N, C-alpha and C. Protein backbone atom coordinates (compact mmCIF):
# COMPACT_ATOMS: atom_id res chain seq x y z
N MET A 1 46.76 -31.81 -46.74
CA MET A 1 45.83 -31.40 -45.71
C MET A 1 44.58 -30.84 -46.40
N HIS A 2 43.43 -31.24 -45.92
CA HIS A 2 42.17 -30.80 -46.51
C HIS A 2 41.57 -29.69 -45.65
N LEU A 3 40.93 -28.74 -46.32
CA LEU A 3 40.29 -27.65 -45.61
C LEU A 3 38.79 -27.87 -45.56
N ARG A 4 38.20 -27.52 -44.43
CA ARG A 4 36.75 -27.48 -44.37
C ARG A 4 36.32 -26.17 -45.01
N ASN A 5 35.06 -26.02 -45.24
CA ASN A 5 34.53 -24.83 -45.88
C ASN A 5 34.86 -23.59 -45.04
N PRO A 6 35.71 -22.68 -45.57
CA PRO A 6 36.11 -21.50 -44.79
C PRO A 6 34.95 -20.57 -44.48
N SER A 7 33.89 -20.60 -45.27
CA SER A 7 32.76 -19.70 -45.02
C SER A 7 32.01 -20.10 -43.75
N THR A 8 32.18 -21.35 -43.30
CA THR A 8 31.50 -21.78 -42.07
C THR A 8 32.40 -21.61 -40.86
N GLY A 9 33.62 -21.11 -41.08
CA GLY A 9 34.54 -20.93 -39.97
C GLY A 9 35.16 -22.23 -39.49
N GLY A 10 35.11 -23.25 -40.33
CA GLY A 10 35.63 -24.56 -39.95
C GLY A 10 37.14 -24.55 -39.80
N LYS A 11 37.65 -25.57 -39.15
CA LYS A 11 39.09 -25.69 -38.93
C LYS A 11 39.68 -26.67 -39.93
N LEU A 12 41.00 -26.67 -39.99
CA LEU A 12 41.69 -27.62 -40.84
C LEU A 12 41.40 -29.04 -40.38
N GLU A 13 41.19 -29.93 -41.33
CA GLU A 13 41.00 -31.33 -40.98
C GLU A 13 42.33 -31.93 -40.57
N MET A 14 42.30 -32.87 -39.65
CA MET A 14 43.53 -33.53 -39.23
C MET A 14 43.88 -34.61 -40.24
N PRO A 15 45.11 -34.63 -40.73
CA PRO A 15 45.50 -35.66 -41.70
C PRO A 15 45.37 -37.06 -41.09
N ILE A 16 44.98 -38.02 -41.89
CA ILE A 16 44.79 -39.38 -41.41
C ILE A 16 46.10 -39.94 -40.85
N GLU A 17 47.23 -39.55 -41.43
CA GLU A 17 48.52 -40.03 -40.93
C GLU A 17 48.73 -39.62 -39.47
N LYS A 18 48.36 -38.38 -39.15
CA LYS A 18 48.50 -37.91 -37.77
C LYS A 18 47.55 -38.66 -36.85
N GLN A 19 46.34 -38.95 -37.32
CA GLN A 19 45.38 -39.72 -36.52
C GLN A 19 45.94 -41.11 -36.19
N VAL A 20 46.53 -41.75 -37.19
CA VAL A 20 47.09 -43.09 -36.99
C VAL A 20 48.30 -43.03 -36.06
N LEU A 21 49.15 -42.02 -36.23
CA LEU A 21 50.32 -41.87 -35.36
C LEU A 21 49.90 -41.64 -33.90
N MET A 22 48.87 -40.82 -33.70
CA MET A 22 48.38 -40.60 -32.33
C MET A 22 47.83 -41.90 -31.75
N THR A 23 47.14 -42.66 -32.57
CA THR A 23 46.57 -43.93 -32.12
C THR A 23 47.68 -44.92 -31.79
N LEU A 24 48.71 -44.99 -32.63
CA LEU A 24 49.84 -45.87 -32.34
C LEU A 24 50.53 -45.47 -31.04
N LYS A 25 50.71 -44.17 -30.83
CA LYS A 25 51.34 -43.70 -29.59
C LYS A 25 50.48 -44.10 -28.39
N TYR A 26 49.18 -43.95 -28.52
CA TYR A 26 48.25 -44.33 -27.45
C TYR A 26 48.37 -45.82 -27.14
N LEU A 27 48.38 -46.64 -28.18
CA LEU A 27 48.44 -48.09 -27.99
C LEU A 27 49.79 -48.55 -27.46
N ALA A 28 50.85 -47.87 -27.85
CA ALA A 28 52.20 -48.32 -27.50
C ALA A 28 52.68 -47.82 -26.14
N SER A 29 51.91 -46.97 -25.48
CA SER A 29 52.39 -46.39 -24.23
C SER A 29 51.30 -46.44 -23.16
N GLN A 30 51.69 -46.10 -21.96
CA GLN A 30 50.74 -45.96 -20.86
C GLN A 30 50.54 -44.48 -20.52
N GLU A 31 50.94 -43.60 -21.44
CA GLU A 31 50.77 -42.17 -21.21
C GLU A 31 49.28 -41.84 -21.19
N THR A 32 48.95 -40.78 -20.47
CA THR A 32 47.55 -40.37 -20.40
C THR A 32 47.14 -39.72 -21.72
N THR A 33 45.83 -39.65 -21.91
CA THR A 33 45.33 -39.01 -23.13
C THR A 33 45.74 -37.54 -23.16
N LEU A 34 45.81 -36.91 -21.99
CA LEU A 34 46.23 -35.51 -21.93
C LEU A 34 47.68 -35.36 -22.36
N GLN A 35 48.56 -36.25 -21.91
CA GLN A 35 49.97 -36.19 -22.30
C GLN A 35 50.12 -36.38 -23.81
N ILE A 36 49.39 -37.34 -24.36
CA ILE A 36 49.50 -37.61 -25.80
C ILE A 36 48.93 -36.44 -26.60
N SER A 37 47.82 -35.88 -26.14
CA SER A 37 47.24 -34.74 -26.88
C SER A 37 48.21 -33.56 -26.88
N HIS A 38 48.90 -33.31 -25.77
CA HIS A 38 49.90 -32.23 -25.73
C HIS A 38 51.06 -32.54 -26.67
N LEU A 39 51.50 -33.79 -26.70
CA LEU A 39 52.61 -34.19 -27.57
C LEU A 39 52.30 -33.90 -29.04
N PHE A 40 51.03 -34.10 -29.43
CA PHE A 40 50.64 -33.89 -30.82
C PHE A 40 50.02 -32.51 -31.07
N GLY A 41 49.95 -31.68 -30.04
CA GLY A 41 49.45 -30.32 -30.21
C GLY A 41 47.97 -30.23 -30.52
N VAL A 42 47.18 -31.11 -29.91
CA VAL A 42 45.73 -31.08 -30.11
C VAL A 42 45.06 -31.10 -28.74
N THR A 43 43.78 -30.78 -28.72
CA THR A 43 43.05 -30.85 -27.46
C THR A 43 42.81 -32.31 -27.10
N GLU A 44 42.53 -32.55 -25.84
CA GLU A 44 42.26 -33.92 -25.40
C GLU A 44 41.00 -34.45 -26.10
N TYR A 45 40.00 -33.59 -26.26
CA TYR A 45 38.78 -34.00 -26.95
C TYR A 45 39.09 -34.41 -28.39
N ALA A 46 39.89 -33.60 -29.09
CA ALA A 46 40.25 -33.91 -30.48
C ALA A 46 41.03 -35.22 -30.54
N PHE A 47 41.95 -35.42 -29.60
CA PHE A 47 42.70 -36.67 -29.58
C PHE A 47 41.77 -37.87 -29.44
N LEU A 48 40.88 -37.83 -28.45
CA LEU A 48 39.97 -38.96 -28.22
C LEU A 48 39.08 -39.22 -29.44
N LYS A 49 38.58 -38.14 -30.02
CA LYS A 49 37.71 -38.27 -31.20
C LYS A 49 38.47 -38.92 -32.35
N HIS A 50 39.67 -38.45 -32.63
CA HIS A 50 40.43 -38.97 -33.78
C HIS A 50 41.00 -40.36 -33.50
N LYS A 51 41.36 -40.65 -32.25
CA LYS A 51 41.83 -41.99 -31.89
C LYS A 51 40.71 -43.00 -32.11
N ASN A 52 39.53 -42.68 -31.61
CA ASN A 52 38.39 -43.59 -31.80
C ASN A 52 38.03 -43.73 -33.27
N ASN A 53 38.10 -42.63 -34.01
CA ASN A 53 37.82 -42.68 -35.45
C ASN A 53 38.83 -43.57 -36.16
N ALA A 54 40.11 -43.45 -35.81
CA ALA A 54 41.14 -44.27 -36.46
C ALA A 54 40.93 -45.74 -36.14
N ILE A 55 40.65 -46.06 -34.88
CA ILE A 55 40.42 -47.46 -34.49
C ILE A 55 39.20 -48.02 -35.21
N ASP A 56 38.11 -47.26 -35.25
CA ASP A 56 36.90 -47.72 -35.94
C ASP A 56 37.14 -47.93 -37.42
N THR A 57 37.85 -46.99 -38.05
CA THR A 57 38.12 -47.08 -39.49
C THR A 57 38.99 -48.29 -39.80
N ILE A 58 40.03 -48.49 -39.01
CA ILE A 58 40.91 -49.65 -39.22
C ILE A 58 40.11 -50.93 -39.06
N TYR A 59 39.33 -51.01 -38.02
CA TYR A 59 38.56 -52.22 -37.73
C TYR A 59 37.55 -52.51 -38.85
N GLU A 60 36.79 -51.49 -39.22
CA GLU A 60 35.71 -51.69 -40.19
C GLU A 60 36.22 -51.96 -41.60
N ASN A 61 37.35 -51.37 -41.96
CA ASN A 61 37.83 -51.49 -43.34
C ASN A 61 38.86 -52.58 -43.56
N VAL A 62 39.44 -53.10 -42.50
CA VAL A 62 40.49 -54.08 -42.67
C VAL A 62 40.13 -55.42 -42.06
N MET A 63 39.31 -55.41 -41.03
CA MET A 63 38.99 -56.66 -40.33
C MET A 63 38.37 -57.66 -41.29
N ASP A 64 38.93 -58.82 -41.33
CA ASP A 64 38.48 -59.88 -42.22
C ASP A 64 38.21 -61.11 -41.37
N ARG A 65 36.97 -61.51 -41.28
CA ARG A 65 36.61 -62.60 -40.38
C ARG A 65 36.74 -63.98 -41.01
N ARG A 66 37.23 -64.08 -42.23
CA ARG A 66 37.36 -65.39 -42.85
C ARG A 66 38.32 -66.29 -42.09
N TRP A 67 39.27 -65.71 -41.41
CA TRP A 67 40.26 -66.48 -40.68
C TRP A 67 39.81 -66.83 -39.28
N LEU A 68 38.72 -66.23 -38.81
CA LEU A 68 38.26 -66.41 -37.44
C LEU A 68 37.55 -67.76 -37.29
N LEU A 69 38.19 -68.66 -36.59
CA LEU A 69 37.62 -69.99 -36.37
C LEU A 69 37.09 -70.07 -34.95
N THR A 70 35.82 -70.37 -34.83
CA THR A 70 35.18 -70.46 -33.52
C THR A 70 34.79 -71.90 -33.24
N PRO A 71 34.75 -72.27 -31.96
CA PRO A 71 34.33 -73.64 -31.64
C PRO A 71 32.83 -73.82 -31.86
N TYR A 72 32.44 -75.07 -32.01
CA TYR A 72 31.02 -75.38 -32.06
C TYR A 72 30.46 -75.24 -30.65
N ARG A 73 29.27 -74.69 -30.55
CA ARG A 73 28.61 -74.56 -29.26
C ARG A 73 28.13 -75.94 -28.83
N ASP A 74 28.50 -76.33 -27.62
CA ASP A 74 28.17 -77.67 -27.14
C ASP A 74 26.86 -77.64 -26.37
N ASN A 75 25.79 -78.04 -27.05
CA ASN A 75 24.47 -78.14 -26.43
C ASN A 75 24.14 -79.60 -26.12
N GLY A 76 25.15 -80.44 -26.12
CA GLY A 76 24.95 -81.85 -25.81
C GLY A 76 24.69 -82.73 -27.01
N ASN A 77 24.68 -82.16 -28.20
CA ASN A 77 24.40 -82.97 -29.39
C ASN A 77 25.43 -82.77 -30.50
N LEU A 78 26.71 -82.60 -30.11
CA LEU A 78 27.77 -82.45 -31.11
C LEU A 78 28.11 -83.81 -31.71
N THR A 79 28.43 -83.80 -32.99
CA THR A 79 28.90 -85.03 -33.63
C THR A 79 30.33 -85.29 -33.20
N ARG A 80 30.82 -86.49 -33.47
CA ARG A 80 32.20 -86.83 -33.13
C ARG A 80 33.16 -85.89 -33.86
N ALA A 81 32.85 -85.58 -35.12
CA ALA A 81 33.71 -84.69 -35.90
C ALA A 81 33.75 -83.29 -35.28
N GLN A 82 32.62 -82.81 -34.79
CA GLN A 82 32.58 -81.48 -34.17
C GLN A 82 33.35 -81.46 -32.85
N VAL A 83 33.26 -82.55 -32.08
CA VAL A 83 34.02 -82.65 -30.83
C VAL A 83 35.52 -82.65 -31.15
N ASN A 84 35.92 -83.41 -32.18
CA ASN A 84 37.33 -83.44 -32.60
C ASN A 84 37.81 -82.06 -33.02
N TYR A 85 36.97 -81.36 -33.77
CA TYR A 85 37.30 -80.01 -34.22
C TYR A 85 37.52 -79.10 -33.00
N ASN A 86 36.59 -79.14 -32.04
CA ASN A 86 36.71 -78.30 -30.84
C ASN A 86 37.99 -78.62 -30.07
N LYS A 87 38.32 -79.90 -29.94
CA LYS A 87 39.55 -80.30 -29.23
C LYS A 87 40.79 -79.80 -29.97
N SER A 88 40.79 -79.94 -31.28
CA SER A 88 41.92 -79.48 -32.08
C SER A 88 42.09 -77.97 -31.96
N LEU A 89 40.99 -77.26 -32.03
CA LEU A 89 41.03 -75.80 -31.91
C LEU A 89 41.52 -75.39 -30.52
N SER A 90 41.05 -76.06 -29.51
CA SER A 90 41.44 -75.75 -28.13
C SER A 90 42.93 -75.98 -27.90
N SER A 91 43.49 -76.97 -28.59
CA SER A 91 44.92 -77.28 -28.40
C SER A 91 45.82 -76.16 -28.91
N LYS A 92 45.30 -75.27 -29.70
CA LYS A 92 46.08 -74.15 -30.24
C LYS A 92 46.10 -72.95 -29.30
N ARG A 93 45.47 -73.08 -28.17
CA ARG A 93 45.34 -71.96 -27.23
C ARG A 93 46.68 -71.38 -26.79
N GLN A 94 47.67 -72.23 -26.52
CA GLN A 94 48.97 -71.73 -26.06
C GLN A 94 49.64 -70.85 -27.11
N VAL A 95 49.52 -71.23 -28.36
CA VAL A 95 50.09 -70.42 -29.44
C VAL A 95 49.43 -69.05 -29.46
N ILE A 96 48.12 -69.05 -29.31
CA ILE A 96 47.37 -67.79 -29.32
C ILE A 96 47.74 -66.94 -28.11
N GLU A 97 47.87 -67.58 -26.94
CA GLU A 97 48.25 -66.83 -25.74
C GLU A 97 49.64 -66.21 -25.88
N ARG A 98 50.57 -66.93 -26.49
CA ARG A 98 51.92 -66.37 -26.72
C ARG A 98 51.85 -65.18 -27.67
N ALA A 99 51.02 -65.31 -28.70
CA ALA A 99 50.87 -64.21 -29.66
C ALA A 99 50.32 -62.97 -28.97
N PHE A 100 49.34 -63.16 -28.10
CA PHE A 100 48.80 -62.01 -27.37
C PHE A 100 49.83 -61.43 -26.41
N GLY A 101 50.68 -62.28 -25.84
CA GLY A 101 51.76 -61.79 -24.99
C GLY A 101 52.69 -60.88 -25.76
N LEU A 102 53.05 -61.28 -26.98
CA LEU A 102 53.91 -60.44 -27.82
C LEU A 102 53.21 -59.13 -28.17
N LEU A 103 51.92 -59.22 -28.48
CA LEU A 103 51.16 -58.03 -28.83
C LEU A 103 51.08 -57.07 -27.64
N LYS A 104 50.88 -57.60 -26.44
CA LYS A 104 50.84 -56.76 -25.24
C LYS A 104 52.19 -56.10 -24.98
N GLY A 105 53.27 -56.80 -25.34
CA GLY A 105 54.59 -56.21 -25.20
C GLY A 105 54.80 -55.05 -26.16
N ARG A 106 54.27 -55.17 -27.35
CA ARG A 106 54.41 -54.13 -28.37
C ARG A 106 53.47 -52.96 -28.08
N PHE A 107 52.22 -53.28 -27.75
CA PHE A 107 51.21 -52.25 -27.47
C PHE A 107 50.85 -52.32 -25.99
N ARG A 108 51.60 -51.60 -25.18
CA ARG A 108 51.47 -51.67 -23.73
C ARG A 108 50.08 -51.33 -23.23
N ARG A 109 49.34 -50.56 -24.00
CA ARG A 109 47.99 -50.16 -23.60
C ARG A 109 47.10 -51.39 -23.41
N LEU A 110 47.40 -52.47 -24.11
CA LEU A 110 46.58 -53.68 -24.03
C LEU A 110 46.75 -54.42 -22.70
N LYS A 111 47.82 -54.12 -21.97
CA LYS A 111 48.01 -54.77 -20.66
C LYS A 111 46.96 -54.30 -19.67
N TYR A 112 46.60 -53.04 -19.75
CA TYR A 112 45.64 -52.45 -18.82
C TYR A 112 44.62 -51.65 -19.62
N VAL A 113 43.69 -52.33 -20.22
CA VAL A 113 42.68 -51.66 -21.03
C VAL A 113 41.70 -50.98 -20.09
N ASN A 114 41.71 -49.66 -20.11
CA ASN A 114 40.87 -48.90 -19.19
C ASN A 114 39.63 -48.36 -19.91
N LEU A 115 38.99 -49.23 -20.65
CA LEU A 115 37.76 -48.88 -21.35
C LEU A 115 36.61 -49.66 -20.74
N LYS A 116 35.41 -49.13 -20.84
CA LYS A 116 34.24 -49.80 -20.27
C LYS A 116 33.37 -50.45 -21.33
N ASP A 117 33.41 -49.92 -22.53
CA ASP A 117 32.57 -50.41 -23.62
C ASP A 117 33.22 -51.65 -24.25
N LEU A 118 32.55 -52.80 -24.12
CA LEU A 118 33.11 -54.05 -24.63
C LEU A 118 33.38 -53.98 -26.14
N GLY A 119 32.50 -53.34 -26.88
CA GLY A 119 32.71 -53.18 -28.32
C GLY A 119 33.96 -52.37 -28.62
N ARG A 120 34.17 -51.31 -27.86
CA ARG A 120 35.36 -50.46 -28.04
C ARG A 120 36.63 -51.25 -27.68
N ILE A 121 36.55 -52.09 -26.64
CA ILE A 121 37.70 -52.92 -26.26
C ILE A 121 38.04 -53.88 -27.39
N CYS A 122 37.04 -54.56 -27.94
CA CYS A 122 37.27 -55.51 -29.04
C CYS A 122 37.86 -54.81 -30.26
N ARG A 123 37.34 -53.64 -30.59
CA ARG A 123 37.85 -52.89 -31.74
C ARG A 123 39.29 -52.44 -31.51
N THR A 124 39.60 -52.04 -30.29
CA THR A 124 40.96 -51.60 -29.96
C THR A 124 41.94 -52.75 -30.10
N ILE A 125 41.57 -53.92 -29.60
CA ILE A 125 42.44 -55.09 -29.70
C ILE A 125 42.61 -55.50 -31.16
N ALA A 126 41.51 -55.55 -31.90
CA ALA A 126 41.59 -55.94 -33.31
C ALA A 126 42.41 -54.94 -34.11
N ALA A 127 42.21 -53.64 -33.86
CA ALA A 127 42.98 -52.61 -34.57
C ALA A 127 44.46 -52.73 -34.22
N SER A 128 44.77 -53.08 -32.98
CA SER A 128 46.17 -53.28 -32.58
C SER A 128 46.79 -54.43 -33.37
N CYS A 129 46.06 -55.52 -33.51
CA CYS A 129 46.55 -56.66 -34.28
C CYS A 129 46.80 -56.26 -35.73
N ILE A 130 45.86 -55.54 -36.30
CA ILE A 130 45.97 -55.13 -37.70
C ILE A 130 47.15 -54.19 -37.89
N LEU A 131 47.27 -53.18 -37.03
CA LEU A 131 48.39 -52.24 -37.13
C LEU A 131 49.72 -52.95 -36.94
N HIS A 132 49.78 -53.87 -36.01
CA HIS A 132 51.01 -54.64 -35.79
C HIS A 132 51.38 -55.43 -37.04
N ASN A 133 50.41 -56.12 -37.63
CA ASN A 133 50.69 -56.93 -38.82
C ASN A 133 51.11 -56.07 -40.01
N ILE A 134 50.47 -54.92 -40.17
CA ILE A 134 50.85 -54.01 -41.26
C ILE A 134 52.29 -53.53 -41.04
N ALA A 135 52.61 -53.16 -39.81
CA ALA A 135 53.95 -52.67 -39.50
C ALA A 135 54.99 -53.76 -39.70
N VAL A 136 54.70 -54.98 -39.28
CA VAL A 136 55.65 -56.08 -39.45
C VAL A 136 55.88 -56.34 -40.93
N LEU A 137 54.81 -56.36 -41.72
CA LEU A 137 54.95 -56.60 -43.15
C LEU A 137 55.80 -55.54 -43.84
N ASN A 138 55.72 -54.31 -43.33
CA ASN A 138 56.45 -53.20 -43.95
C ASN A 138 57.71 -52.80 -43.20
N ASN A 139 58.06 -53.54 -42.16
CA ASN A 139 59.26 -53.24 -41.37
C ASN A 139 59.26 -51.79 -40.88
N GLU A 140 58.11 -51.29 -40.44
CA GLU A 140 57.98 -49.87 -40.12
C GLU A 140 57.53 -49.57 -38.70
N LEU A 141 57.37 -50.54 -37.85
CA LEU A 141 56.76 -50.26 -36.56
C LEU A 141 57.53 -49.21 -35.77
N GLU A 142 58.83 -49.35 -35.64
CA GLU A 142 59.59 -48.38 -34.85
C GLU A 142 59.51 -46.99 -35.47
N ASP A 143 59.55 -46.91 -36.80
CA ASP A 143 59.45 -45.61 -37.46
C ASP A 143 58.12 -44.94 -37.15
N MET A 144 57.03 -45.70 -37.17
CA MET A 144 55.72 -45.12 -36.92
C MET A 144 55.61 -44.61 -35.50
N LEU A 145 56.17 -45.32 -34.53
CA LEU A 145 56.05 -44.91 -33.14
C LEU A 145 56.92 -43.71 -32.82
N GLU A 146 57.99 -43.49 -33.57
CA GLU A 146 58.88 -42.38 -33.31
C GLU A 146 58.41 -41.09 -33.95
N GLY A 147 57.51 -41.13 -34.91
CA GLY A 147 57.07 -39.93 -35.61
C GLY A 147 56.32 -38.98 -34.71
N ASP A 148 56.49 -37.63 -34.97
CA ASP A 148 55.77 -36.64 -34.17
C ASP A 148 54.53 -36.14 -34.90
N ASP A 149 54.61 -36.22 -35.83
CA ASP A 149 53.46 -35.61 -36.45
C ASP A 149 52.19 -36.26 -35.98
N ASP A 150 46.58 -43.81 -47.83
CA ASP A 150 45.32 -43.47 -47.17
C ASP A 150 44.51 -44.70 -46.81
N VAL A 151 43.81 -44.21 -45.48
CA VAL A 151 43.04 -45.37 -45.01
C VAL A 151 42.14 -45.86 -46.14
N ALA A 152 41.71 -47.13 -46.05
CA ALA A 152 40.88 -47.75 -47.08
C ALA A 152 39.67 -46.89 -47.42
N ASP A 153 39.21 -47.00 -48.63
CA ASP A 153 38.09 -46.22 -49.15
C ASP A 153 36.84 -46.41 -48.30
N ASP A 154 36.12 -45.31 -48.04
CA ASP A 154 34.91 -45.37 -47.23
C ASP A 154 33.77 -46.09 -47.93
N ASN A 155 33.90 -46.30 -49.24
CA ASN A 155 32.82 -46.91 -50.00
C ASN A 155 32.94 -48.41 -50.11
N LEU A 156 33.52 -49.06 -49.09
CA LEU A 156 33.61 -50.52 -49.12
C LEU A 156 32.22 -51.11 -49.04
N VAL A 157 32.09 -52.30 -49.56
CA VAL A 157 30.79 -52.96 -49.57
C VAL A 157 30.29 -53.16 -48.14
N ALA A 158 29.05 -52.75 -47.88
CA ALA A 158 28.51 -52.78 -46.53
C ALA A 158 28.34 -54.19 -45.98
N ASN A 159 28.10 -55.14 -46.86
CA ASN A 159 27.86 -56.50 -46.37
C ASN A 159 29.12 -57.36 -46.36
N LEU A 160 30.29 -56.74 -46.36
CA LEU A 160 31.55 -57.48 -46.37
C LEU A 160 31.64 -58.41 -45.17
N PHE A 161 31.21 -57.95 -44.00
CA PHE A 161 31.32 -58.79 -42.81
C PHE A 161 30.44 -60.02 -42.92
N ALA A 162 29.24 -59.86 -43.42
CA ALA A 162 28.35 -61.01 -43.56
C ALA A 162 28.96 -62.03 -44.51
N GLU A 163 29.55 -61.56 -45.61
CA GLU A 163 30.18 -62.47 -46.57
C GLU A 163 31.37 -63.18 -45.93
N ASN A 164 32.18 -62.45 -45.18
CA ASN A 164 33.33 -63.06 -44.51
C ASN A 164 32.89 -64.05 -43.44
N ASP A 165 31.81 -63.73 -42.72
CA ASP A 165 31.29 -64.66 -41.72
C ASP A 165 30.88 -65.97 -42.37
N ARG A 166 30.22 -65.89 -43.54
CA ARG A 166 29.80 -67.10 -44.25
C ARG A 166 31.02 -67.91 -44.67
N GLU A 167 32.04 -67.22 -45.20
CA GLU A 167 33.26 -67.92 -45.61
C GLU A 167 33.94 -68.57 -44.42
N GLY A 168 33.95 -67.89 -43.27
CA GLY A 168 34.53 -68.46 -42.06
C GLY A 168 33.77 -69.70 -41.62
N SER A 169 32.44 -69.66 -41.70
CA SER A 169 31.63 -70.83 -41.33
C SER A 169 31.90 -72.00 -42.26
N LEU A 170 32.02 -71.73 -43.55
CA LEU A 170 32.32 -72.80 -44.50
C LEU A 170 33.69 -73.40 -44.23
N LYS A 171 34.65 -72.56 -43.90
CA LYS A 171 36.00 -73.05 -43.58
C LYS A 171 35.96 -73.94 -42.35
N LYS A 172 35.17 -73.56 -41.36
CA LYS A 172 35.03 -74.35 -40.14
C LYS A 172 34.46 -75.73 -40.46
N ILE A 173 33.46 -75.78 -41.31
CA ILE A 173 32.84 -77.05 -41.70
C ILE A 173 33.84 -77.91 -42.46
N ARG A 174 34.60 -77.31 -43.39
CA ARG A 174 35.62 -78.07 -44.14
C ARG A 174 36.66 -78.66 -43.20
N LEU A 175 37.14 -77.86 -42.25
CA LEU A 175 38.13 -78.36 -41.29
C LEU A 175 37.56 -79.48 -40.43
N THR A 176 36.31 -79.34 -40.03
CA THR A 176 35.67 -80.38 -39.23
C THR A 176 35.63 -81.69 -40.01
N ASN A 177 35.27 -81.61 -41.27
CA ASN A 177 35.21 -82.82 -42.11
C ASN A 177 36.59 -83.42 -42.34
N GLN A 178 37.61 -82.58 -42.50
CA GLN A 178 38.97 -83.09 -42.69
C GLN A 178 39.50 -83.77 -41.44
N LEU A 179 39.16 -83.24 -40.27
CA LEU A 179 39.60 -83.85 -39.02
C LEU A 179 38.94 -85.20 -38.78
N ASN A 180 37.79 -85.41 -39.38
CA ASN A 180 37.03 -86.64 -39.18
C ASN A 180 37.54 -87.77 -40.07
N LEU A 181 38.41 -87.47 -41.03
CA LEU A 181 38.90 -88.50 -41.95
C LEU A 181 39.82 -89.48 -41.29
C-alpha cells in the first residue's frame, strides 16, 4: 500500500488489486454502485472513480487493435477482392455473437449497460473482454470474483494505438489479397 504525502493530509492510496476486484464485482453483478461500495468499504464516489480508472487503465494499456478486422466501407467502388473480404468477415458474425453471449453470461453488467457515454461503454466492454481472457488464461476468474478485498507500466509508448491500427490495416489488406486467390 502506498501513502500519499502525510504533510498534505492525504489518504492512503487504494491498491490496484482492490480497484480491479471492485471493477470485476461491478461487471459480474447487477448490484448497485452503492451496494458494491459498501461491500468494499469505500464511498460511492471513490468506487466510481477507481472503477473508471481501472477500466481506462486496462483498456489503454492492454487493448491491441492488431486483431481488429473491420469491413471495407462500401461507397460503390469496392473491388471484387474487397467484396469477398467483406462477405467472409460478415459470415463470422454468428461466432462473434455467441462469444458476446458467453461474455454477457460471465459479466452480467453487459446485459444492461446503464451508461450514457459511448466511449465509456466501449471501454467497459473491451475491458471486460480483456479481464475475461486474462482470467481464462490463468484459471482465476472465480477466485477474483470471490475476493473481498501490477497494472501495466504507465510509461507505455503513446503512439501504440496508431502502430497497431497500421498493423491491423496491413493484415486486412493481406487477407483481402489471399481471399482473391
